[in-house]
Amino acid sequence: MKLILTNAGAEPCLLTGFAEVSLTAGPSGVPIGAAATRDYSTPVPEVLLAPGQAGTATLQYSQAGNYPDCTRTPAAGFRIYPPEDTASLFIVEPRDACANPSIALLTVDAFQAK
């Protein structure tokens, strides 16, 4: 799936790096299992977003049922912290999470220009 962040401000903003992504039970819930691992297979560019422009990152999810040691736990969706931000966003997308923090179901790449 694509994560899309749009500059809603009146000034340009610099978007560099990775979002922190976890499966949670709700918008303010604690992470269930492991947070997304970062995919460094592509360069991490500095993306200057003019007002109204967007940057994208790819988020990959592996099915919890693929892991025999997974203790399946229902998640309401994804809690996302944009790069260098302390406020989170929440995407309602029910999925199975793994309570076992050693099983990484999520992988995210760096934000790119859209």
PDB file of N, CA and C in Angstrom:
ATOM      1  N   MET A   1       0.841  -1.159   0.000  1.00  0.00           N
ATOM      2  CA  MET A   1       0.000   0.000   0.000  1.00  0.00           C
ATOM      3  C   MET A   1       0.889   1.225   0.000  1.00  0.00           C
ATOM      4  N   LYS A   2       0.365   2.321  -0.488  1.00  0.00           N
ATOM      5  CA  LYS A   2       1.104   3.579  -0.535  1.00  0.00           C
ATOM      6  C   LYS A   2       0.678   4.473   0.624  1.00  0.00           C
ATOM      7  N   LEU A   3       1.672   5.016   1.319  1.00  0.00           N
ATOM      8  CA  LEU A   3       1.426   6.067   2.299  1.00  0.00           C
ATOM      9  C   LEU A   3       1.658   7.377   1.567  1.00  0.00           C
ATOM     10  N   ILE A   4       0.727   8.282   1.645  1.00  0.00           N
ATOM     11  CA  ILE A   4       0.830   9.563   0.955  1.00  0.00           C
ATOM     12  C   ILE A   4       0.713  10.676   1.988  1.00  0.00           C
ATOM     13  N   LEU A   5       1.747  11.529   2.057  1.00  0.00           N
ATOM     14  CA  LEU A   5       1.715  12.694   2.930  1.00  0.00           C
ATOM     15  C   LEU A   5       1.687  13.937   2.059  1.00  0.00           C
ATOM     16  N   THR A   6       0.731  14.808   2.318  1.00  0.00           N
ATOM     17  CA  THR A   6       0.566  16.043   1.553  1.00  0.00           C
ATOM     18  C   THR A   6       0.895  17.236   2.434  1.00  0.00           C
ATOM     19  N   ASN A   7       1.654  18.182   1.887  1.00  0.00           N
ATOM     20  CA  ASN A   7       1.964  19.414   2.604  1.00  0.00           C
ATOM     21  C   ASN A   7       0.708  20.278   2.621  1.00  0.00           C
ATOM     22  N   ALA A   8       0.077  20.382   3.791  1.00  0.00           N
ATOM     23  CA  ALA A   8      -1.136  21.173   3.943  1.00  0.00           C
ATOM     24  C   ALA A   8      -0.832  22.595   4.420  1.00  0.00           C
ATOM     25  N   GLY A   9       0.452  22.914   4.575  1.00  0.00           N
ATOM     26  CA  GLY A   9       0.839  24.234   5.045  1.00  0.00           C
ATOM     27  C   GLY A   9       0.957  25.250   3.924  1.00  0.00           C
ATOM     28  N   ALA A  10       1.302  26.469   4.286  1.00  0.00           N
ATOM     29  CA  ALA A  10       1.448  27.560   3.324  1.00  0.00           C
ATOM     30  C   ALA A  10       2.891  27.723   2.853  1.00  0.00           C
ATOM     31  N   GLU A  11       3.818  27.021   3.481  1.00  0.00           N
ATOM     32  CA  GLU A  11       5.243  27.099   3.154  1.00  0.00           C
ATOM     33  C   GLU A  11       5.741  25.729   2.702  1.00  0.00           C
ATOM     34  N   PRO A  12       6.821  25.698   1.922  1.00  0.00           N
ATOM     35  CA  PRO A  12       7.422  24.410   1.564  1.00  0.00           C
ATOM     36  C   PRO A  12       7.886  23.670   2.818  1.00  0.00           C
ATOM     37  N   CYS A  13       7.895  22.344   2.749  1.00  0.00           N
ATOM     38  CA  CYS A  13       8.416  21.555   3.860  1.00  0.00           C
ATOM     39  C   CYS A  13       9.304  20.445   3.306  1.00  0.00           C
ATOM     40  N   LEU A  14      10.272  20.045   4.110  1.00  0.00           N
ATOM     41  CA  LEU A  14      11.211  19.015   3.724  1.00  0.00           C
ATOM     42  C   LEU A  14      10.762  17.699   4.333  1.00  0.00           C
ATOM     43  N   LEU A  15      10.596  16.692   3.506  1.00  0.00           N
ATOM     44  CA  LEU A  15      10.170  15.364   3.935  1.00  0.00           C
ATOM     45  C   LEU A  15      11.327  14.415   3.655  1.00  0.00           C
ATOM     46  N   THR A  16      11.988  13.957   4.697  1.00  0.00           N
ATOM     47  CA  THR A  16      13.153  13.103   4.531  1.00  0.00           C
ATOM     48  C   THR A  16      13.057  11.903   5.447  1.00  0.00           C
ATOM     49  N   GLY A  17      13.205  10.723   4.884  1.00  0.00           N
ATOM     50  CA  GLY A  17      13.311   9.528   5.706  1.00  0.00           C
ATOM     51  C   GLY A  17      12.081   8.647   5.709  1.00  0.00           C
ATOM     52  N   PHE A  18      11.904   8.003   6.843  1.00  0.00           N
ATOM     53  CA  PHE A  18      10.927   6.938   6.992  1.00  0.00           C
ATOM     54  C   PHE A  18       9.834   7.308   7.986  1.00  0.00           C
ATOM     55  N   ALA A  19       8.643   6.821   7.737  1.00  0.00           N
ATOM     56  CA  ALA A  19       7.573   6.897   8.728  1.00  0.00           C
ATOM     57  C   ALA A  19       7.787   5.765   9.734  1.00  0.00           C
ATOM     58  N   GLU A  20       7.369   5.990  10.955  1.00  0.00           N
ATOM     59  CA  GLU A  20       7.307   4.921  11.956  1.00  0.00           C
ATOM     60  C   GLU A  20       5.892   4.371  11.874  1.00  0.00           C
ATOM     61  N   VAL A  21       5.760   3.072  11.647  1.00  0.00           N
ATOM     62  CA  VAL A  21       4.447   2.474  11.432  1.00  0.00           C
ATOM     63  C   VAL A  21       4.282   1.254  12.335  1.00  0.00           C
ATOM     64  N   SER A  22       3.131   1.156  12.988  1.00  0.00           N
ATOM     65  CA  SER A  22       2.794   0.009  13.829  1.00  0.00           C
ATOM     66  C   SER A  22       1.328  -0.340  13.639  1.00  0.00           C
ATOM     67  N   LEU A  23       1.010  -1.580  13.874  1.00  0.00           N
ATOM     68  CA  LEU A  23      -0.385  -1.999  13.964  1.00  0.00           C
ATOM     69  C   LEU A  23      -0.842  -1.740  15.393  1.00  0.00           C
ATOM     70  N   THR A  24      -2.038  -1.167  15.547  1.00  0.00           N
ATOM     71  CA  THR A  24      -2.560  -0.860  16.881  1.00  0.00           C
ATOM     72  C   THR A  24      -4.051  -1.177  16.947  1.00  0.00           C
ATOM     73  N   ALA A  25      -4.571  -1.185  18.175  1.00  0.00           N
ATOM     74  CA  ALA A  25      -5.996  -1.437  18.384  1.00  0.00           C
ATOM     75  C   ALA A  25      -6.841  -0.202  18.127  1.00  0.00           C
ATOM     76  N   GLY A  26      -6.202   0.968  17.971  1.00  0.00           N
ATOM     77  CA  GLY A  26      -6.941   2.196  17.729  1.00  0.00           C
ATOM     78  C   GLY A  26      -5.994   3.367  17.567  1.00  0.00           C
ATOM     79  N   PRO A  27      -6.533   4.579  17.321  1.00  0.00           N
ATOM     80  CA  PRO A  27      -5.717   5.757  17.049  1.00  0.00           C
ATOM     81  C   PRO A  27      -4.697   6.094  18.130  1.00  0.00           C
ATOM     82  N   SER A  28      -4.997   5.814  19.374  1.00  0.00           N
ATOM     83  CA  SER A  28      -4.056   6.132  20.448  1.00  0.00           C
ATOM     84  C   SER A  28      -3.508   4.872  21.106  1.00  0.00           C
ATOM     85  N   GLY A  29      -3.723   3.733  20.480  1.00  0.00           N
ATOM     86  CA  GLY A  29      -3.285   2.467  21.055  1.00  0.00           C
ATOM     87  C   GLY A  29      -1.787   2.254  20.968  1.00  0.00           C
ATOM     88  N   VAL A  30      -1.288   1.410  21.851  1.00  0.00           N
ATOM     89  CA  VAL A  30       0.131   1.046  21.820  1.00  0.00           C
ATOM     90  C   VAL A  30       0.358   0.044  20.684  1.00  0.00           C
ATOM     91  N   PRO A  31       1.584  -0.010  20.168  1.00  0.00           N
ATOM     92  CA  PRO A  31       1.864  -0.958  19.084  1.00  0.00           C
ATOM     93  C   PRO A  31       1.583  -2.396  19.503  1.00  0.00           C
ATOM     94  N   ILE A  32       1.102  -3.159  18.549  1.00  0.00           N
ATOM     95  CA  ILE A  32       0.922  -4.602  18.744  1.00  0.00           C
ATOM     96  C   ILE A  32       2.054  -5.270  17.976  1.00  0.00           C
ATOM     97  N   GLY A  33       2.952  -5.914  18.694  1.00  0.00           N
ATOM     98  CA  GLY A  33       4.077  -6.582  18.045  1.00  0.00           C
ATOM     99  C   GLY A  33       5.121  -5.592  17.562  1.00  0.00           C
ATOM    100  N   ALA A  34       5.878  -6.023  16.556  1.00  0.00           N
ATOM    101  CA  ALA A  34       7.003  -5.240  16.045  1.00  0.00           C
ATOM    102  C   ALA A  34       6.543  -4.080  15.173  1.00  0.00           C
ATOM    103  N   ALA A  35       7.247  -2.959  15.279  1.00  0.00           N
ATOM    104  CA  ALA A  35       7.036  -1.832  14.366  1.00  0.00           C
ATOM    105  C   ALA A  35       7.606  -2.209  13.004  1.00  0.00           C
ATOM    106  N   ALA A  36       7.268  -1.432  11.995  1.00  0.00           N
ATOM    107  CA  ALA A  36       7.751  -1.690  10.633  1.00  0.00           C
ATOM    108  C   ALA A  36       9.276  -1.611  10.585  1.00  0.00           C
ATOM    109  N   THR A  37       9.866  -2.524   9.835  1.00  0.00           N
ATOM    110  CA  THR A  37      11.301  -2.438   9.577  1.00  0.00           C
ATOM    111  C   THR A  37      11.511  -1.539   8.370  1.00  0.00           C
ATOM    112  N   ARG A  38      12.650  -0.884   8.325  1.00  0.00           N
ATOM    113  CA  ARG A  38      12.952   0.051   7.235  1.00  0.00           C
ATOM    114  C   ARG A  38      13.650  -0.683   6.093  1.00  0.00           C
ATOM    115  N   ASP A  39      13.214  -0.391   4.890  1.00  0.00           N
ATOM    116  CA  ASP A  39      13.808  -0.969   3.680  1.00  0.00           C
ATOM    117  C   ASP A  39      14.776   0.057   3.094  1.00  0.00           C
ATOM    118  N   TYR A  40      16.067  -0.235   3.219  1.00  0.00           N
ATOM    119  CA  TYR A  40      17.106   0.680   2.735  1.00  0.00           C
ATOM    120  C   TYR A  40      17.579   0.321   1.329  1.00  0.00           C
ATOM    121  N   SER A  41      16.807  -0.468   0.581  1.00  0.00           N
ATOM    122  CA  SER A  41      17.247  -0.907  -0.745  1.00  0.00           C
ATOM    123  C   SER A  41      17.211   0.217  -1.787  1.00  0.00           C
ATOM    124  N   THR A  42      16.525   1.319  -1.484  1.00  0.00           N
ATOM    125  CA  THR A  42      16.525   2.477  -2.377  1.00  0.00           C
ATOM    126  C   THR A  42      17.088   3.675  -1.606  1.00  0.00           C
ATOM    127  N   PRO A  43      17.632   4.665  -2.312  1.00  0.00           N
ATOM    128  CA  PRO A  43      18.178   5.839  -1.622  1.00  0.00           C
ATOM    129  C   PRO A  43      17.114   6.562  -0.797  1.00  0.00           C
ATOM    130  N   VAL A  44      17.591   7.284   0.204  1.00  0.00           N
ATOM    131  CA  VAL A  44      16.712   8.082   1.058  1.00  0.00           C
ATOM    132  C   VAL A  44      16.886   9.545   0.630  1.00  0.00           C
ATOM    133  N   PRO A  45      16.008  10.025  -0.255  1.00  0.00           N
ATOM    134  CA  PRO A  45      16.175  11.386  -0.772  1.00  0.00           C
ATOM    135  C   PRO A  45      15.589  12.438   0.164  1.00  0.00           C
ATOM    136  N   GLU A  46      16.014  13.673  -0.039  1.00  0.00           N
ATOM    137  CA  GLU A  46      15.353  14.809   0.594  1.00  0.00           C
ATOM    138  C   GLU A  46      14.263  15.253  -0.378  1.00  0.00           C
ATOM    139  N   VAL A  47      13.023  15.254   0.068  1.00  0.00           N
ATOM    140  CA  VAL A  47      11.892  15.602  -0.785  1.00  0.00           C
ATOM    141  C   VAL A  47      11.336  16.941  -0.308  1.00  0.00           C
ATOM    142  N   LEU A  48      11.510  17.976  -1.130  1.00  0.00           N
ATOM    143  CA  LEU A  48      10.980  19.295  -0.798  1.00  0.00           C
ATOM    144  C   LEU A  48       9.570  19.395  -1.367  1.00  0.00           C
ATOM    145  N   LEU A  49       8.592  19.521  -0.471  1.00  0.00           N
ATOM    146  CA  LEU A  49       7.192  19.586  -0.880  1.00  0.00           C
ATOM    147  C   LEU A  49       6.703  21.025  -0.846  1.00  0.00           C
ATOM    148  N   ALA A  50       6.268  21.511  -1.978  1.00  0.00           N
ATOM    149  CA  ALA A  50       5.599  22.804  -2.029  1.00  0.00           C
ATOM    150  C   ALA A  50       4.203  22.627  -1.427  1.00  0.00           C
ATOM    151  N   PRO A  51       3.542  23.707  -1.023  1.00  0.00           N
ATOM    152  CA  PRO A  51       2.174  23.568  -0.516  1.00  0.00           C
ATOM    153  C   PRO A  51       1.302  22.798  -1.517  1.00  0.00           C
ATOM    154  N   GLY A  52       0.587  21.810  -1.016  1.00  0.00           N
ATOM    155  CA  GLY A  52      -0.289  20.984  -1.847  1.00  0.00           C
ATOM    156  C   GLY A  52       0.385  19.786  -2.484  1.00  0.00           C
ATOM    157  N   GLN A  53       1.717  19.723  -2.482  1.00  0.00           N
ATOM    158  CA  GLN A  53       2.415  18.573  -3.056  1.00  0.00           C
ATOM    159  C   GLN A  53       2.480  17.435  -2.051  1.00  0.00           C
ATOM    160  N   ALA A  54       2.689  16.207  -2.583  1.00  0.00           N
ATOM    161  CA  ALA A  54       2.701  15.015  -1.738  1.00  0.00           C
ATOM    162  C   ALA A  54       3.951  14.188  -1.980  1.00  0.00           C
ATOM    163  N   GLY A  55       4.316  13.423  -0.969  1.00  0.00           N
ATOM    164  CA  GLY A  55       5.366  12.423  -1.054  1.00  0.00           C
ATOM    165  C   GLY A  55       4.754  11.074  -0.724  1.00  0.00           C
ATOM    166  N   THR A  56       5.366   9.995  -1.239  1.00  0.00           N
ATOM    167  CA  THR A  56       4.814   8.663  -1.005  1.00  0.00           C
ATOM    168  C   THR A  56       5.880   7.717  -0.469  1.00  0.00           C
ATOM    169  N   ALA A  57       5.425   6.734   0.279  1.00  0.00           N
ATOM    170  CA  ALA A  57       6.265   5.635   0.760  1.00  0.00           C
ATOM    171  C   ALA A  57       5.449   4.359   0.619  1.00  0.00           C
ATOM    172  N   THR A  58       6.126   3.262   0.356  1.00  0.00           N
ATOM    173  CA  THR A  58       5.445   1.974   0.230  1.00  0.00           C
ATOM    174  C   THR A  58       5.488   1.245   1.561  1.00  0.00           C
ATOM    175  N   LEU A  59       4.334   0.756   1.999  1.00  0.00           N
ATOM    176  CA  LEU A  59       4.207  -0.044   3.212  1.00  0.00           C
ATOM    177  C   LEU A  59       3.794  -1.443   2.794  1.00  0.00           C
ATOM    178  N   GLN A  60       4.572  -2.433   3.211  1.00  0.00           N
ATOM    179  CA  GLN A  60       4.250  -3.821   2.905  1.00  0.00           C
ATOM    180  C   GLN A  60       3.806  -4.530   4.184  1.00  0.00           C
ATOM    181  N   TYR A  61       2.787  -5.384   4.036  1.00  0.00           N
ATOM    182  CA  TYR A  61       2.238  -6.156   5.158  1.00  0.00           C
ATOM    183  C   TYR A  61       2.298  -7.630   4.799  1.00  0.00           C
ATOM    184  N   SER A  62       2.903  -8.435   5.672  1.00  0.00           N
ATOM    185  CA  SER A  62       2.909  -9.896   5.511  1.00  0.00           C
ATOM    186  C   SER A  62       1.788 -10.475   6.363  1.00  0.00           C
ATOM    187  N   GLN A  63       1.088 -11.440   5.837  1.00  0.00           N
ATOM    188  CA  GLN A  63      -0.021 -12.062   6.550  1.00  0.00           C
ATOM    189  C   GLN A  63       0.460 -12.727   7.843  1.00  0.00           C
ATOM    190  N   ALA A  64      -0.199 -12.442   8.939  1.00  0.00           N
ATOM    191  CA  ALA A  64       0.164 -13.018  10.233  1.00  0.00           C
ATOM    192  C   ALA A  64       0.093 -14.543  10.202  1.00  0.00           C
ATOM    193  N   GLY A  65      -0.827 -15.082   9.420  1.00  0.00           N
ATOM    194  CA  GLY A  65      -0.982 -16.529   9.330  1.00  0.00           C
ATOM    195  C   GLY A  65       0.203 -17.246   8.712  1.00  0.00           C
ATOM    196  N   ASN A  66       1.125 -16.513   8.110  1.00  0.00           N
ATOM    197  CA  ASN A  66       2.319 -17.117   7.522  1.00  0.00           C
ATOM    198  C   ASN A  66       3.348 -17.527   8.569  1.00  0.00           C
ATOM    199  N   TYR A  67       3.164 -17.119   9.810  1.00  0.00           N
ATOM    200  CA  TYR A  67       4.144 -17.348  10.861  1.00  0.00           C
ATOM    201  C   TYR A  67       3.558 -18.272  11.931  1.00  0.00           C
ATOM    202  N   PRO A  68       4.070 -19.508  12.037  1.00  0.00           N
ATOM    203  CA  PRO A  68       3.492 -20.453  13.000  1.00  0.00           C
ATOM    204  C   PRO A  68       3.625 -20.008  14.456  1.00  0.00           C
ATOM    205  N   ASP A  69       4.634 -19.186  14.782  1.00  0.00           N
ATOM    206  CA  ASP A  69       4.821 -18.728  16.163  1.00  0.00           C
ATOM    207  C   ASP A  69       4.039 -17.454  16.475  1.00  0.00           C
ATOM    208  N   CYS A  70       3.250 -16.988  15.540  1.00  0.00           N
ATOM    209  CA  CYS A  70       2.498 -15.753  15.712  1.00  0.00           C
ATOM    210  C   CYS A  70       1.291 -15.968  16.614  1.00  0.00           C
ATOM    211  N   THR A  71       1.182 -15.136  17.637  1.00  0.00           N
ATOM    212  CA  THR A  71      -0.038 -15.088  18.435  1.00  0.00           C
ATOM    213  C   THR A  71      -0.891 -13.995  17.812  1.00  0.00           C
ATOM    214  N   ARG A  72      -1.869 -14.396  17.006  1.00  0.00           N
ATOM    215  CA  ARG A  72      -2.685 -13.427  16.271  1.00  0.00           C
ATOM    216  C   ARG A  72      -3.496 -12.562  17.225  1.00  0.00           C
ATOM    217  N   THR A  73      -3.459 -11.269  16.943  1.00  0.00           N
ATOM    218  CA  THR A  73      -4.180 -10.279  17.728  1.00  0.00           C
ATOM    219  C   THR A  73      -4.840  -9.319  16.752  1.00  0.00           C
ATOM    220  N   PRO A  74      -6.137  -9.057  16.880  1.00  0.00           N
ATOM    221  CA  PRO A  74      -6.771  -8.132  15.945  1.00  0.00           C
ATOM    222  C   PRO A  74      -6.270  -6.697  16.139  1.00  0.00           C
ATOM    223  N   ALA A  75      -5.976  -6.041  15.031  1.00  0.00           N
ATOM    224  CA  ALA A  75      -5.585  -4.633  15.029  1.00  0.00           C
ATOM    225  C   ALA A  75      -6.635  -3.852  14.241  1.00  0.00           C
ATOM    226  N   ALA A  76      -6.913  -2.640  14.684  1.00  0.00           N
ATOM    227  CA  ALA A  76      -7.902  -1.799  14.000  1.00  0.00           C
ATOM    228  C   ALA A  76      -7.292  -1.081  12.803  1.00  0.00           C
ATOM    229  N   GLY A  77      -5.958  -0.961  12.805  1.00  0.00           N
ATOM    230  CA  GLY A  77      -5.321  -0.274  11.692  1.00  0.00           C
ATOM    231  C   GLY A  77      -3.882   0.079  11.976  1.00  0.00           C
ATOM    232  N   PHE A  78      -3.382   1.050  11.215  1.00  0.00           N
ATOM    233  CA  PHE A  78      -1.981   1.448  11.259  1.00  0.00           C
ATOM    234  C   PHE A  78      -1.835   2.821  11.922  1.00  0.00           C
ATOM    235  N   ARG A  79      -0.952   2.894  12.914  1.00  0.00           N
ATOM    236  CA  ARG A  79      -0.601   4.170  13.530  1.00  0.00           C
ATOM    237  C   ARG A  79       0.711   4.611  12.894  1.00  0.00           C
ATOM    238  N   ILE A  80       0.731   5.821  12.356  1.00  0.00           N
ATOM    239  CA  ILE A  80       1.850   6.296  11.555  1.00  0.00           C
ATOM    240  C   ILE A  80       2.372   7.614  12.111  1.00  0.00           C
ATOM    241  N   TYR A  81       3.679   7.659  12.315  1.00  0.00           N
ATOM    242  CA  TYR A  81       4.369   8.896  12.680  1.00  0.00           C
ATOM    243  C   TYR A  81       5.178   9.337  11.470  1.00  0.00           C
ATOM    244  N   PRO A  82       4.833  10.465  10.843  1.00  0.00           N
ATOM    245  CA  PRO A  82       5.646  10.965   9.736  1.00  0.00           C
ATOM    246  C   PRO A  82       7.075  11.248  10.209  1.00  0.00           C
ATOM    247  N   PRO A  83       8.031  11.291   9.275  1.00  0.00           N
ATOM    248  CA  PRO A  83       9.416  11.575   9.664  1.00  0.00           C
ATOM    249  C   PRO A  83       9.526  12.869  10.466  1.00  0.00           C
ATOM    250  N   GLU A  84      10.296  12.807  11.544  1.00  0.00           N
ATOM    251  CA  GLU A  84      10.583  13.960  12.395  1.00  0.00           C
ATOM    252  C   GLU A  84       9.325  14.624  12.949  1.00  0.00           C
ATOM    253  N   ASP A  85       8.311  13.838  13.243  1.00  0.00           N
ATOM    254  CA  ASP A  85       7.061  14.373  13.791  1.00  0.00           C
ATOM    255  C   ASP A  85       6.701  13.587  15.037  1.00  0.00           C
ATOM    256  N   THR A  86       6.095  14.253  16.006  1.00  0.00           N
ATOM    257  CA  THR A  86       5.676  13.582  17.238  1.00  0.00           C
ATOM    258  C   THR A  86       4.175  13.335  17.291  1.00  0.00           C
ATOM    259  N   ALA A  87       3.445  13.829  16.298  1.00  0.00           N
ATOM    260  CA  ALA A  87       2.001  13.593  16.211  1.00  0.00           C
ATOM    261  C   ALA A  87       1.776  12.438  15.245  1.00  0.00           C
ATOM    262  N   SER A  88       0.858  11.559  15.599  1.00  0.00           N
ATOM    263  CA  SER A  88       0.608  10.394  14.751  1.00  0.00           C
ATOM    264  C   SER A  88      -0.673  10.557  13.934  1.00  0.00           C
ATOM    265  N   LEU A  89      -0.738   9.770  12.889  1.00  0.00           N
ATOM    266  CA  LEU A  89      -1.920   9.637  12.043  1.00  0.00           C
ATOM    267  C   LEU A  89      -2.426   8.215  12.211  1.00  0.00           C
ATOM    268  N   PHE A  90      -3.687   7.980  11.923  1.00  0.00           N
ATOM    269  CA  PHE A  90      -4.222   6.621  12.035  1.00  0.00           C
ATOM    270  C   PHE A  90      -5.009   6.279  10.783  1.00  0.00           C
ATOM    271  N   ILE A  91      -4.718   5.123  10.224  1.00  0.00           N
ATOM    272  CA  ILE A  91      -5.454   4.612   9.058  1.00  0.00           C
ATOM    273  C   ILE A  91      -6.247   3.406   9.522  1.00  0.00           C
ATOM    274  N   VAL A  92      -7.573   3.502   9.427  1.00  0.00           N
ATOM    275  CA  VAL A  92      -8.436   2.380   9.788  1.00  0.00           C
ATOM    276  C   VAL A  92      -8.310   1.323   8.691  1.00  0.00           C
ATOM    277  N   GLU A  93      -7.733   0.203   9.049  1.00  0.00           N
ATOM    278  CA  GLU A  93      -7.511  -0.900   8.107  1.00  0.00           C
ATOM    279  C   GLU A  93      -7.340  -2.161   8.947  1.00  0.00           C
ATOM    280  N   PRO A  94      -8.449  -2.797   9.358  1.00  0.00           N
ATOM    281  CA  PRO A  94      -8.350  -3.963  10.230  1.00  0.00           C
ATOM    282  C   PRO A  94      -7.462  -5.059   9.619  1.00  0.00           C
ATOM    283  N   ARG A  95      -6.567  -5.552  10.439  1.00  0.00           N
ATOM    284  CA  ARG A  95      -5.629  -6.614  10.055  1.00  0.00           C
ATOM    285  C   ARG A  95      -5.349  -7.476  11.273  1.00  0.00           C
ATOM    286  N   ASP A  96      -4.787  -8.652  11.029  1.00  0.00           N
ATOM    287  CA  ASP A  96      -4.253  -9.455  12.120  1.00  0.00           C
ATOM    288  C   ASP A  96      -2.826  -8.999  12.381  1.00  0.00           C
ATOM    289  N   ALA A  97      -2.510  -8.772  13.644  1.00  0.00           N
ATOM    290  CA  ALA A  97      -1.151  -8.452  14.065  1.00  0.00           C
ATOM    291  C   ALA A  97      -0.599  -9.669  14.795  1.00  0.00           C
ATOM    292  N   CYS A  98       0.702  -9.670  15.042  1.00  0.00           N
ATOM    293  CA  CYS A  98       1.336 -10.706  15.865  1.00  0.00           C
ATOM    294  C   CYS A  98       1.756 -10.058  17.179  1.00  0.00           C
ATOM    295  N   ALA A  99       1.296 -10.617  18.277  1.00  0.00           N
ATOM    296  CA  ALA A  99       1.690 -10.083  19.576  1.00  0.00           C
ATOM    297  C   ALA A  99       3.174 -10.316  19.838  1.00  0.00           C
ATOM    298  N   ASN A 100       3.762 -11.290  19.171  1.00  0.00           N
ATOM    299  CA  ASN A 100       5.171 -11.615  19.337  1.00  0.00           C
ATOM    300  C   ASN A 100       6.026 -10.528  18.681  1.00  0.00           C
ATOM    301  N   PRO A 101       6.783  -9.724  19.462  1.00  0.00           N
ATOM    302  CA  PRO A 101       7.543  -8.615  18.886  1.00  0.00           C
ATOM    303  C   PRO A 101       8.739  -9.041  18.026  1.00  0.00           C
ATOM    304  N   SER A 102       9.069 -10.320  18.000  1.00  0.00           N
ATOM    305  CA  SER A 102      10.186 -10.760  17.161  1.00  0.00           C
ATOM    306  C   SER A 102       9.737 -11.075  15.730  1.00  0.00           C
ATOM    307  N   ILE A 103       8.434 -10.999  15.476  1.00  0.00           N
ATOM    308  CA  ILE A 103       7.897 -11.249  14.129  1.00  0.00           C
ATOM    309  C   ILE A 103       7.536  -9.911  13.501  1.00  0.00           C
ATOM    310  N   ALA A 104       8.257  -9.551  12.444  1.00  0.00           N
ATOM    311  CA  ALA A 104       8.028  -8.268  11.760  1.00  0.00           C
ATOM    312  C   ALA A 104       7.109  -8.489  10.564  1.00  0.00           C
ATOM    313  N   LEU A 105       5.885  -8.004  10.661  1.00  0.00           N
ATOM    314  CA  LEU A 105       4.918  -8.121   9.572  1.00  0.00           C
ATOM    315  C   LEU A 105       4.983  -6.949   8.601  1.00  0.00           C
ATOM    316  N   LEU A 106       5.560  -5.820   9.041  1.00  0.00           N
ATOM    317  CA  LEU A 106       5.530  -4.587   8.257  1.00  0.00           C
ATOM    318  C   LEU A 106       6.925  -4.176   7.799  1.00  0.00           C
ATOM    319  N   THR A 107       6.989  -3.664   6.572  1.00  0.00           N
ATOM    320  CA  THR A 107       8.207  -3.083   6.022  1.00  0.00           C
ATOM    321  C   THR A 107       7.815  -1.784   5.343  1.00  0.00           C
ATOM    322  N   VAL A 108       8.613  -0.732   5.552  1.00  0.00           N
ATOM    323  CA  VAL A 108       8.323   0.571   4.950  1.00  0.00           C
ATOM    324  C   VAL A 108       9.592   1.093   4.276  1.00  0.00           C
ATOM    325  N   ASP A 109       9.409   1.748   3.125  1.00  0.00           N
ATOM    326  CA  ASP A 109      10.559   2.372   2.488  1.00  0.00           C
ATOM    327  C   ASP A 109      10.523   3.881   2.723  1.00  0.00           C
ATOM    328  N   ALA A 110      11.575   4.565   2.327  1.00  0.00           N
ATOM    329  CA  ALA A 110      11.692   6.009   2.549  1.00  0.00           C
ATOM    330  C   ALA A 110      10.717   6.756   1.638  1.00  0.00           C
ATOM    331  N   PHE A 111      10.323   7.941   2.098  1.00  0.00           N
ATOM    332  CA  PHE A 111       9.440   8.773   1.286  1.00  0.00           C
ATOM    333  C   PHE A 111      10.163   9.246   0.037  1.00  0.00           C
ATOM    334  N   GLN A 112       9.419   9.279  -1.069  1.00  0.00           N
ATOM    335  CA  GLN A 112       9.911   9.707  -2.377  1.00  0.00           C
ATOM    336  C   GLN A 112       8.982  10.810  -2.874  1.00  0.00           C
ATOM    337  N   ALA A 113       9.443  11.571  -3.858  1.00  0.00           N
ATOM    338  CA  ALA A 113       8.568  12.553  -4.499  1.00  0.00           C
ATOM    339  C   ALA A 113       7.478  11.796  -5.255  1.00  0.00           C
ATOM    340  N   LYS A 114       6.283  12.334  -5.244  1.00  0.00           N
ATOM    341  CA  LYS A 114       5.162  11.663  -5.916  1.00  0.00           C
ATOM    342  C   LYS A 114       5.153  11.989  -7.389  1.00  0.00           C
TER     343      LYS A 114
END
